[in-house]
Amino acid sequence: MTTPRPFRWLPHEGQRHAVCANSTVRDEVTTLCGGELVIPVTRPTKAEWCWPTCLSCDAAWRAAEGIMPFPRKASAGPSRGARADRRGR
C-alpha cells in the first residue's frame, strides 16, 4: 500500500506549481514557492500541463519527499574517455 503524496501539481500563470493534495475547487491555497492562487473550477488544458515546472516548487517538493535535487550534480566517477581506454579503444 502506498502513502498518498501530500502535494499535487497545478498549472498557474505559465508554470506548473505544487499545491496541497487535498485542496478542492475554489480553495485559496499557497503554492510551495509561496504564491497564492484559487483552485480553478475548470480543468487545466493539455497545453497548460505542458508548461514548465516552477523550479522553487520543484525544489521544495523534492525536499519534502526526500528526492535528490534536479538537475543532479555530475558524479566524480571515471570520464567517458577512461571507460573507452579500459575497453581497449
N, C-alpha and C. Protein backbone atom coordinates (compact mmCIF):
# COMPACT_ATOMS: atom_id res chain seq x y z
N MET A 1 0.84 -1.18 0.00
CA MET A 1 0.00 0.00 0.00
C MET A 1 0.89 1.25 0.00
N THR A 2 0.62 2.16 -0.90
CA THR A 2 1.43 3.36 -0.99
C THR A 2 0.80 4.50 -0.18
N THR A 3 1.67 5.36 0.32
CA THR A 3 1.21 6.53 1.06
C THR A 3 0.85 7.62 0.06
N PRO A 4 -0.30 8.28 0.25
CA PRO A 4 -0.65 9.35 -0.69
C PRO A 4 0.35 10.50 -0.60
N ARG A 5 0.60 11.11 -1.70
CA ARG A 5 1.52 12.24 -1.75
C ARG A 5 0.84 13.48 -1.16
N PRO A 6 1.60 14.32 -0.43
CA PRO A 6 1.00 15.49 0.20
C PRO A 6 0.75 16.65 -0.75
N PHE A 7 1.33 16.58 -1.96
CA PHE A 7 1.19 17.69 -2.90
C PHE A 7 0.74 17.18 -4.26
N ARG A 8 0.18 18.09 -5.05
CA ARG A 8 -0.15 17.80 -6.44
C ARG A 8 0.25 19.01 -7.27
N TRP A 9 0.31 18.83 -8.57
CA TRP A 9 0.75 19.89 -9.47
C TRP A 9 -0.44 20.54 -10.13
N LEU A 10 -0.34 21.85 -10.33
CA LEU A 10 -1.43 22.61 -10.93
C LEU A 10 -0.86 23.73 -11.79
N PRO A 11 -1.23 23.80 -13.06
CA PRO A 11 -0.78 24.91 -13.90
C PRO A 11 -1.37 26.24 -13.40
N HIS A 12 -0.51 27.26 -13.36
CA HIS A 12 -0.95 28.59 -12.92
C HIS A 12 0.06 29.62 -13.41
N GLU A 13 -0.42 30.63 -14.10
CA GLU A 13 0.40 31.74 -14.58
C GLU A 13 1.68 31.30 -15.31
N GLY A 14 1.52 30.35 -16.23
CA GLY A 14 2.62 29.97 -17.10
C GLY A 14 3.57 28.90 -16.57
N GLN A 15 3.31 28.39 -15.37
CA GLN A 15 4.14 27.32 -14.81
C GLN A 15 3.26 26.33 -14.07
N ARG A 16 3.82 25.13 -13.83
CA ARG A 16 3.13 24.14 -13.01
C ARG A 16 3.65 24.26 -11.58
N HIS A 17 2.74 24.50 -10.64
CA HIS A 17 3.09 24.71 -9.24
C HIS A 17 2.57 23.56 -8.38
N ALA A 18 3.24 23.34 -7.25
CA ALA A 18 2.80 22.32 -6.30
C ALA A 18 1.89 22.94 -5.26
N VAL A 19 0.75 22.29 -5.04
CA VAL A 19 -0.23 22.74 -4.03
C VAL A 19 -0.61 21.54 -3.16
N CYS A 20 -1.23 21.81 -2.04
CA CYS A 20 -1.69 20.75 -1.13
C CYS A 20 -2.60 19.78 -1.89
N ALA A 21 -2.35 18.50 -1.74
CA ALA A 21 -3.08 17.48 -2.49
C ALA A 21 -4.57 17.45 -2.18
N ASN A 22 -4.96 17.83 -0.98
CA ASN A 22 -6.38 17.74 -0.64
C ASN A 22 -7.13 19.05 -0.88
N SER A 23 -6.53 19.99 -1.59
CA SER A 23 -7.24 21.23 -1.92
C SER A 23 -8.31 20.92 -2.97
N THR A 24 -9.40 21.67 -2.90
CA THR A 24 -10.51 21.45 -3.82
C THR A 24 -10.88 22.75 -4.54
N VAL A 25 -11.77 22.64 -5.49
CA VAL A 25 -12.21 23.78 -6.29
C VAL A 25 -12.59 24.95 -5.39
N ARG A 26 -12.11 26.12 -5.79
CA ARG A 26 -12.35 27.41 -5.13
C ARG A 26 -11.59 27.60 -3.82
N ASP A 27 -10.77 26.62 -3.42
CA ASP A 27 -9.93 26.81 -2.23
C ASP A 27 -8.85 27.85 -2.54
N GLU A 28 -8.57 28.71 -1.58
CA GLU A 28 -7.44 29.63 -1.68
C GLU A 28 -6.26 28.91 -1.06
N VAL A 29 -5.20 28.72 -1.85
CA VAL A 29 -4.05 27.94 -1.39
C VAL A 29 -2.75 28.71 -1.64
N THR A 30 -1.72 28.29 -0.93
CA THR A 30 -0.38 28.81 -1.14
C THR A 30 0.45 27.71 -1.79
N THR A 31 1.11 28.03 -2.89
CA THR A 31 1.96 27.06 -3.56
C THR A 31 3.23 26.86 -2.73
N LEU A 32 3.98 25.82 -3.05
CA LEU A 32 5.21 25.57 -2.30
C LEU A 32 6.23 26.69 -2.49
N CYS A 33 6.10 27.46 -3.59
CA CYS A 33 7.02 28.59 -3.80
C CYS A 33 6.52 29.85 -3.12
N GLY A 34 5.36 29.79 -2.46
CA GLY A 34 4.84 30.94 -1.73
C GLY A 34 3.80 31.76 -2.47
N GLY A 35 3.46 31.37 -3.70
CA GLY A 35 2.44 32.08 -4.46
C GLY A 35 1.04 31.75 -3.96
N GLU A 36 0.14 32.68 -4.17
CA GLU A 36 -1.26 32.49 -3.78
C GLU A 36 -2.08 32.21 -5.03
N LEU A 37 -3.01 31.27 -4.95
CA LEU A 37 -3.92 31.02 -6.06
C LEU A 37 -5.21 30.41 -5.54
N VAL A 38 -6.22 30.45 -6.40
CA VAL A 38 -7.51 29.82 -6.11
C VAL A 38 -7.63 28.63 -7.04
N ILE A 39 -7.95 27.47 -6.48
CA ILE A 39 -8.10 26.26 -7.29
C ILE A 39 -9.24 26.50 -8.28
N PRO A 40 -8.96 26.40 -9.60
CA PRO A 40 -9.98 26.74 -10.59
C PRO A 40 -11.10 25.70 -10.68
N VAL A 41 -12.23 26.16 -11.18
CA VAL A 41 -13.39 25.29 -11.39
C VAL A 41 -13.15 24.40 -12.61
N THR A 42 -12.56 24.97 -13.65
CA THR A 42 -12.32 24.21 -14.87
C THR A 42 -10.99 23.48 -14.80
N ARG A 43 -10.93 22.34 -15.46
CA ARG A 43 -9.69 21.57 -15.51
C ARG A 43 -8.68 22.29 -16.41
N PRO A 44 -7.39 22.19 -16.06
CA PRO A 44 -6.38 22.76 -16.94
C PRO A 44 -6.40 22.06 -18.31
N THR A 45 -5.99 22.79 -19.33
CA THR A 45 -5.94 22.22 -20.67
C THR A 45 -4.69 21.34 -20.83
N LYS A 46 -4.66 20.55 -21.89
CA LYS A 46 -3.48 19.74 -22.16
C LYS A 46 -2.26 20.62 -22.36
N ALA A 47 -2.44 21.75 -23.03
CA ALA A 47 -1.33 22.67 -23.25
C ALA A 47 -0.80 23.23 -21.93
N GLU A 48 -1.68 23.53 -20.99
CA GLU A 48 -1.25 24.06 -19.68
C GLU A 48 -0.44 23.04 -18.90
N TRP A 49 -0.77 21.75 -19.06
CA TRP A 49 0.00 20.71 -18.37
C TRP A 49 1.42 20.60 -18.92
N CYS A 50 1.66 21.18 -20.10
CA CYS A 50 3.00 21.16 -20.70
C CYS A 50 3.84 22.37 -20.29
N TRP A 51 3.27 23.28 -19.52
CA TRP A 51 4.03 24.43 -19.04
C TRP A 51 5.21 23.94 -18.21
N PRO A 52 6.28 24.72 -18.14
CA PRO A 52 7.43 24.30 -17.33
C PRO A 52 7.09 24.24 -15.84
N THR A 53 7.80 23.39 -15.14
CA THR A 53 7.62 23.26 -13.69
C THR A 53 8.30 24.43 -12.99
N CYS A 54 7.63 25.00 -12.01
CA CYS A 54 8.22 26.05 -11.17
C CYS A 54 9.41 25.44 -10.42
N LEU A 55 10.59 26.02 -10.63
CA LEU A 55 11.80 25.46 -10.02
C LEU A 55 11.76 25.53 -8.49
N SER A 56 11.17 26.58 -7.94
CA SER A 56 11.08 26.69 -6.47
C SER A 56 10.14 25.64 -5.90
N CYS A 57 8.99 25.43 -6.56
CA CYS A 57 8.06 24.39 -6.11
C CYS A 57 8.71 23.02 -6.23
N ASP A 58 9.43 22.80 -7.33
CA ASP A 58 10.09 21.51 -7.55
C ASP A 58 11.11 21.23 -6.45
N ALA A 59 11.91 22.24 -6.11
CA ALA A 59 12.93 22.06 -5.07
C ALA A 59 12.27 21.76 -3.72
N ALA A 60 11.21 22.49 -3.38
CA ALA A 60 10.51 22.28 -2.10
C ALA A 60 9.84 20.91 -2.07
N TRP A 61 9.24 20.51 -3.20
CA TRP A 61 8.59 19.20 -3.28
C TRP A 61 9.61 18.09 -3.11
N ARG A 62 10.74 18.20 -3.80
CA ARG A 62 11.78 17.17 -3.69
C ARG A 62 12.31 17.08 -2.26
N ALA A 63 12.51 18.22 -1.61
CA ALA A 63 12.99 18.21 -0.22
C ALA A 63 11.97 17.52 0.69
N ALA A 64 10.68 17.82 0.51
CA ALA A 64 9.63 17.22 1.34
C ALA A 64 9.51 15.72 1.11
N GLU A 65 9.75 15.27 -0.12
CA GLU A 65 9.63 13.86 -0.48
C GLU A 65 10.93 13.08 -0.28
N GLY A 66 12.03 13.79 0.02
CA GLY A 66 13.31 13.12 0.19
C GLY A 66 13.92 12.68 -1.14
N ILE A 67 13.63 13.43 -2.20
CA ILE A 67 14.14 13.13 -3.53
C ILE A 67 15.30 14.08 -3.82
N MET A 68 16.34 13.55 -4.46
CA MET A 68 17.50 14.38 -4.78
C MET A 68 17.12 15.57 -5.65
N PRO A 69 17.82 16.69 -5.48
CA PRO A 69 17.54 17.86 -6.31
C PRO A 69 17.79 17.57 -7.79
N PHE A 70 17.18 18.37 -8.63
CA PHE A 70 17.36 18.24 -10.07
C PHE A 70 17.74 19.60 -10.62
N PRO A 71 18.69 19.74 -11.51
CA PRO A 71 19.48 18.64 -12.05
C PRO A 71 20.51 18.17 -11.04
N ARG A 72 20.87 16.91 -11.14
CA ARG A 72 21.85 16.34 -10.23
C ARG A 72 23.25 16.78 -10.64
N LYS A 73 24.10 16.91 -9.66
CA LYS A 73 25.49 17.24 -9.95
C LYS A 73 26.17 16.02 -10.56
N ALA A 74 27.12 16.25 -11.44
CA ALA A 74 27.86 15.15 -12.08
C ALA A 74 28.62 14.37 -11.02
N SER A 75 28.66 13.07 -11.19
CA SER A 75 29.39 12.23 -10.24
C SER A 75 30.88 12.37 -10.47
N ALA A 76 31.66 11.98 -9.50
CA ALA A 76 33.12 12.06 -9.60
C ALA A 76 33.70 10.78 -10.19
N GLY A 77 32.87 9.99 -10.87
CA GLY A 77 33.33 8.74 -11.46
C GLY A 77 34.23 8.96 -12.65
N PRO A 78 34.69 7.87 -13.25
CA PRO A 78 35.60 7.99 -14.40
C PRO A 78 34.91 8.68 -15.58
N SER A 79 35.69 9.37 -16.37
CA SER A 79 35.15 10.05 -17.54
C SER A 79 34.89 9.03 -18.65
N ARG A 80 34.19 9.46 -19.68
CA ARG A 80 33.92 8.57 -20.82
C ARG A 80 35.22 8.09 -21.44
N GLY A 81 36.20 8.96 -21.52
CA GLY A 81 37.48 8.59 -22.10
C GLY A 81 38.15 7.48 -21.32
N ALA A 82 38.05 7.53 -20.00
CA ALA A 82 38.67 6.49 -19.16
C ALA A 82 37.98 5.15 -19.40
N ARG A 83 36.65 5.16 -19.56
CA ARG A 83 35.95 3.91 -19.83
C ARG A 83 36.33 3.36 -21.18
N ALA A 84 36.47 4.23 -22.17
CA ALA A 84 36.85 3.78 -23.51
C ALA A 84 38.25 3.18 -23.47
N ASP A 85 39.15 3.77 -22.68
CA ASP A 85 40.53 3.25 -22.58
C ASP A 85 40.53 1.84 -22.00
N ARG A 86 39.65 1.55 -21.05
CA ARG A 86 39.62 0.23 -20.43
C ARG A 86 39.13 -0.82 -21.43
N ARG A 87 38.36 -0.41 -22.41
CA ARG A 87 37.85 -1.36 -23.41
C ARG A 87 38.84 -1.55 -24.55
N GLY A 88 39.98 -0.90 -24.47
CA GLY A 88 40.99 -1.06 -25.49
C GLY A 88 40.80 -0.17 -26.68
N ARG A 89 40.08 0.90 -26.55
CA ARG A 89 39.88 1.83 -27.67
C ARG A 89 40.73 3.04 -27.52
